[in-house]
Structures are given as C-alpha cells and as structure tokens.
Amino acid sequence: MHLRTILPLLVALGAAAPNLAHAQPRPFVVMARGHQPTNDTAFEPLGMQPVRDYLATLNAEVWSTTWNCFRHGAAQAECALNDAQFLQDLGSYVNALPPERPVILIGHSFGADSLLKAVTGATGISPKINRRITALRAPAGPGIRDDSGAEE
C-alpha cells in the first residue's frame, strides 16, 4: 500500500493514541475491504500491515471483514451482495460494546462506503451506530495496493 494512503491513517490514529494507549477495555477495530469477484469464496484481509502493527501496540481487537458480511474472516460470497445485513450486524455489535471502549473503523472502497453509511446514514438508510467512534478512516482510490503489491 502506498505511503500516501498509510501516512494519514497513522496520523489519525496517532492523534487518538493518547486516549487509546492505556484504554481498558482494549480498542475494537473493524477493517472492511471492498468488493471482490463474486465467485471469490476465500477471504483476504484489507492488508495495511503498518497499520495492523501499530494497532497491535495498542492491544486492539481487530476484525477483518468484507463490505457485505460482518463476520471476522468471512468471504464476500458467504453473504448477500448488498450491505443491508452488514449495516444491521455492525450497528448491533458496536452499539452493544461498553461505551468506554474505543471503536475505530477503517474501510476501503465498498468497505468504506458501508462503514460511512453505518455511521452517517444515506438516502433511505438511517445510521446504525449510535455511539461515539474514536476514529473513522476511509482510504480509497484506484491503484491502492496491499503490502504484497496486489491491488485492492
């Protein structure tokens, strides 16, 4: 992944770090990836290894999801090809977390779109998350690559 994508994310997380470094309970992070080919039955996480390494220093619980399936490690093909259930499941889970627990949302492409809809709503869709979010970052754009050089 390009430094121009990772750097703003690390800066945003760094700004939140004083509140996260000694956070108890530990931060909860959702990393939602974008659309994959519809016949893809394997899950591949969003990448962003420098961000994952940084989150590990905060003892964060990191869930890797697809844009349409809010289950850690689930493949896109396991769920309907829309984000209605993702939004409902994400909202239910995050809203049930203790209010003092930091929540960080990171998404790419369709994953970013779904996370933004969960927080802010969209035409015909009410927000699903009704608690404070510590950080929300949606790096997106053509040519974003993960650490292996594969395009996201």
Protein backbone atom coordinates (compact mmCIF):
# COMPACT_ATOMS: atom_id res chain seq x y z
CA MET A 1 0.00 0.00 0.00
CA HIS A 2 1.29 3.44 -0.82
CA LEU A 3 2.74 5.63 1.92
CA ARG A 4 0.37 8.45 0.93
CA THR A 5 -2.51 6.19 1.99
CA ILE A 6 -0.95 4.78 5.15
CA LEU A 7 0.55 8.01 6.50
CA PRO A 8 -2.74 9.94 7.01
CA LEU A 9 -4.24 6.87 8.66
CA LEU A 10 -1.32 6.54 11.07
CA VAL A 11 -1.53 10.28 11.81
CA ALA A 12 -5.26 9.99 12.53
CA LEU A 13 -4.70 7.00 14.79
CA GLY A 14 -1.72 8.74 16.39
CA ALA A 15 -3.95 11.69 17.31
CA ALA A 16 -6.24 9.25 19.07
CA ALA A 17 -3.34 7.30 20.62
CA PRO A 18 -3.14 9.21 23.93
CA ASN A 19 -6.70 8.05 24.61
CA LEU A 20 -6.01 4.54 23.32
CA ALA A 21 -2.58 3.70 24.74
CA HIS A 22 -3.91 2.78 28.16
CA ALA A 23 -7.50 2.14 27.16
CA GLN A 24 -9.30 -0.52 29.12
CA PRO A 25 -11.02 -2.39 27.71
CA ARG A 26 -8.96 -2.55 24.59
CA PRO A 27 -9.90 -0.78 21.34
CA PHE A 28 -12.20 -2.56 18.88
CA VAL A 29 -11.23 -2.10 15.20
CA VAL A 30 -13.14 -3.04 12.06
CA MET A 31 -11.12 -3.18 8.82
CA ALA A 32 -13.66 -3.61 5.99
CA ARG A 33 -12.42 -4.37 2.50
CA GLY A 34 -14.17 -3.59 -0.76
CA HIS A 35 -15.84 -5.68 -3.43
CA GLN A 36 -14.14 -8.88 -4.58
CA PRO A 37 -15.07 -11.03 -7.57
CA THR A 38 -18.48 -12.59 -6.86
CA ASN A 39 -17.15 -16.14 -7.18
CA ASP A 40 -14.49 -15.50 -4.53
CA THR A 41 -15.04 -17.89 -1.62
CA ALA A 42 -11.79 -17.06 0.20
CA PHE A 43 -11.38 -14.06 2.46
CA GLU A 44 -8.32 -11.86 2.07
CA PRO A 45 -7.86 -9.12 4.68
CA LEU A 46 -7.50 -5.46 3.78
CA GLY A 47 -3.72 -5.53 4.14
CA MET A 48 -2.27 -2.33 5.62
CA GLN A 49 0.36 -4.18 7.65
CA PRO A 50 1.93 -0.99 9.10
CA VAL A 51 -1.50 -0.03 10.46
CA ARG A 52 -2.07 -3.53 11.84
CA ASP A 53 1.36 -3.42 13.51
CA TYR A 54 0.54 -0.06 15.09
CA LEU A 55 -2.85 -1.32 16.31
CA ALA A 56 -1.08 -4.32 17.87
CA THR A 57 0.92 -1.88 20.05
CA LEU A 58 -2.45 -0.66 21.37
CA ASN A 59 -3.57 -4.25 22.08
CA ALA A 60 -6.51 -3.65 19.74
CA GLU A 61 -9.03 -6.34 18.83
CA VAL A 62 -9.07 -6.19 15.01
CA TRP A 63 -11.86 -7.70 12.93
CA SER A 64 -11.23 -8.11 9.20
CA THR A 65 -14.49 -8.14 7.25
CA THR A 66 -15.87 -7.68 3.77
CA TRP A 67 -18.22 -4.82 2.88
CA ASN A 68 -21.28 -7.07 2.99
CA CYS A 69 -20.52 -9.63 5.72
CA PHE A 70 -19.87 -8.53 9.32
CA ARG A 71 -18.18 -11.73 10.45
CA HIS A 72 -14.45 -11.78 11.14
CA GLY A 73 -12.77 -13.53 8.20
CA ALA A 74 -15.97 -14.28 6.25
CA ALA A 75 -15.73 -14.27 2.45
CA GLN A 76 -17.90 -11.93 0.40
CA ALA A 77 -19.64 -14.90 -1.27
CA GLU A 78 -21.00 -16.02 2.13
CA CYS A 79 -23.47 -13.11 2.27
CA ALA A 80 -25.93 -11.27 0.05
CA LEU A 81 -24.34 -8.84 -2.40
CA ASN A 82 -25.70 -5.78 -0.61
CA ASP A 83 -24.74 -4.25 2.71
CA ALA A 84 -28.13 -4.22 4.47
CA GLN A 85 -27.31 -7.11 6.81
CA PHE A 86 -23.72 -5.85 7.30
CA LEU A 87 -25.08 -2.48 8.47
CA GLN A 88 -27.54 -4.10 10.87
CA ASP A 89 -25.00 -6.56 12.30
CA LEU A 90 -22.25 -3.93 12.63
CA GLY A 91 -24.59 -1.49 14.37
CA SER A 92 -25.90 -4.13 16.78
CA TYR A 93 -22.42 -5.33 17.70
CA VAL A 94 -20.75 -1.93 18.06
CA ASN A 95 -23.67 -0.41 19.98
CA ALA A 96 -23.53 -3.32 22.46
CA LEU A 97 -19.86 -2.66 23.30
CA PRO A 98 -19.22 -0.84 26.60
CA PRO A 99 -19.43 2.92 25.92
CA GLU A 100 -15.91 3.48 27.22
CA ARG A 101 -14.44 1.03 24.71
CA PRO A 102 -12.76 2.87 21.79
CA VAL A 103 -14.11 1.97 18.33
CA ILE A 104 -12.03 2.51 15.18
CA LEU A 105 -13.48 1.91 11.69
CA ILE A 106 -11.21 1.58 8.65
CA GLY A 107 -12.61 0.79 5.21
CA HIS A 108 -11.56 0.66 1.58
CA SER A 109 -13.83 1.07 -1.44
CA PHE A 110 -17.21 -0.61 -0.78
CA GLY A 111 -15.99 -1.31 2.77
CA ALA A 112 -15.52 2.42 3.37
CA ASP A 113 -18.93 3.14 1.87
CA SER A 114 -20.61 0.61 4.17
CA LEU A 115 -18.83 1.95 7.27
CA LEU A 116 -19.75 5.54 6.40
CA LYS A 117 -23.40 4.53 5.91
CA ALA A 118 -23.38 2.79 9.29
CA VAL A 119 -22.21 5.99 11.00
CA THR A 120 -23.91 8.76 9.00
CA GLY A 121 -26.74 7.03 7.15
CA ALA A 122 -27.58 7.60 3.49
CA THR A 123 -30.66 8.24 1.39
CA GLY A 124 -33.29 5.88 2.76
CA ILE A 125 -30.86 4.41 5.33
CA SER A 126 -30.74 5.57 8.93
CA PRO A 127 -27.42 5.50 10.83
CA LYS A 128 -26.92 2.15 12.57
CA ILE A 129 -24.19 3.16 15.02
CA ASN A 130 -25.39 5.44 17.80
CA ARG A 131 -22.27 5.77 19.91
CA ARG A 132 -19.00 7.68 19.79
CA ILE A 133 -16.48 6.50 17.20
CA THR A 134 -12.85 7.18 18.13
CA ALA A 135 -11.59 7.15 14.52
CA LEU A 136 -13.12 6.60 11.09
CA ARG A 137 -10.86 6.40 8.06
CA ALA A 138 -11.82 5.52 4.53
CA PRO A 139 -8.74 5.42 2.29
CA ALA A 140 -9.88 4.66 -1.23
CA GLY A 141 -8.93 5.11 -4.83
CA PRO A 142 -7.57 3.23 -7.80
CA GLY A 143 -4.16 1.68 -7.50
CA ILE A 144 -4.15 1.22 -3.74
CA ARG A 145 -2.03 -1.82 -3.12
CA ASP A 146 -1.55 -4.03 -0.12
CA ASP A 147 1.90 -4.99 1.16
CA SER A 148 2.22 -7.85 -1.32
CA GLY A 149 1.75 -5.47 -4.27
CA ALA A 150 -1.68 -6.87 -5.12
CA GLU A 151 -4.23 -4.23 -6.00
CA GLU A 152 -7.04 -3.68 -3.52
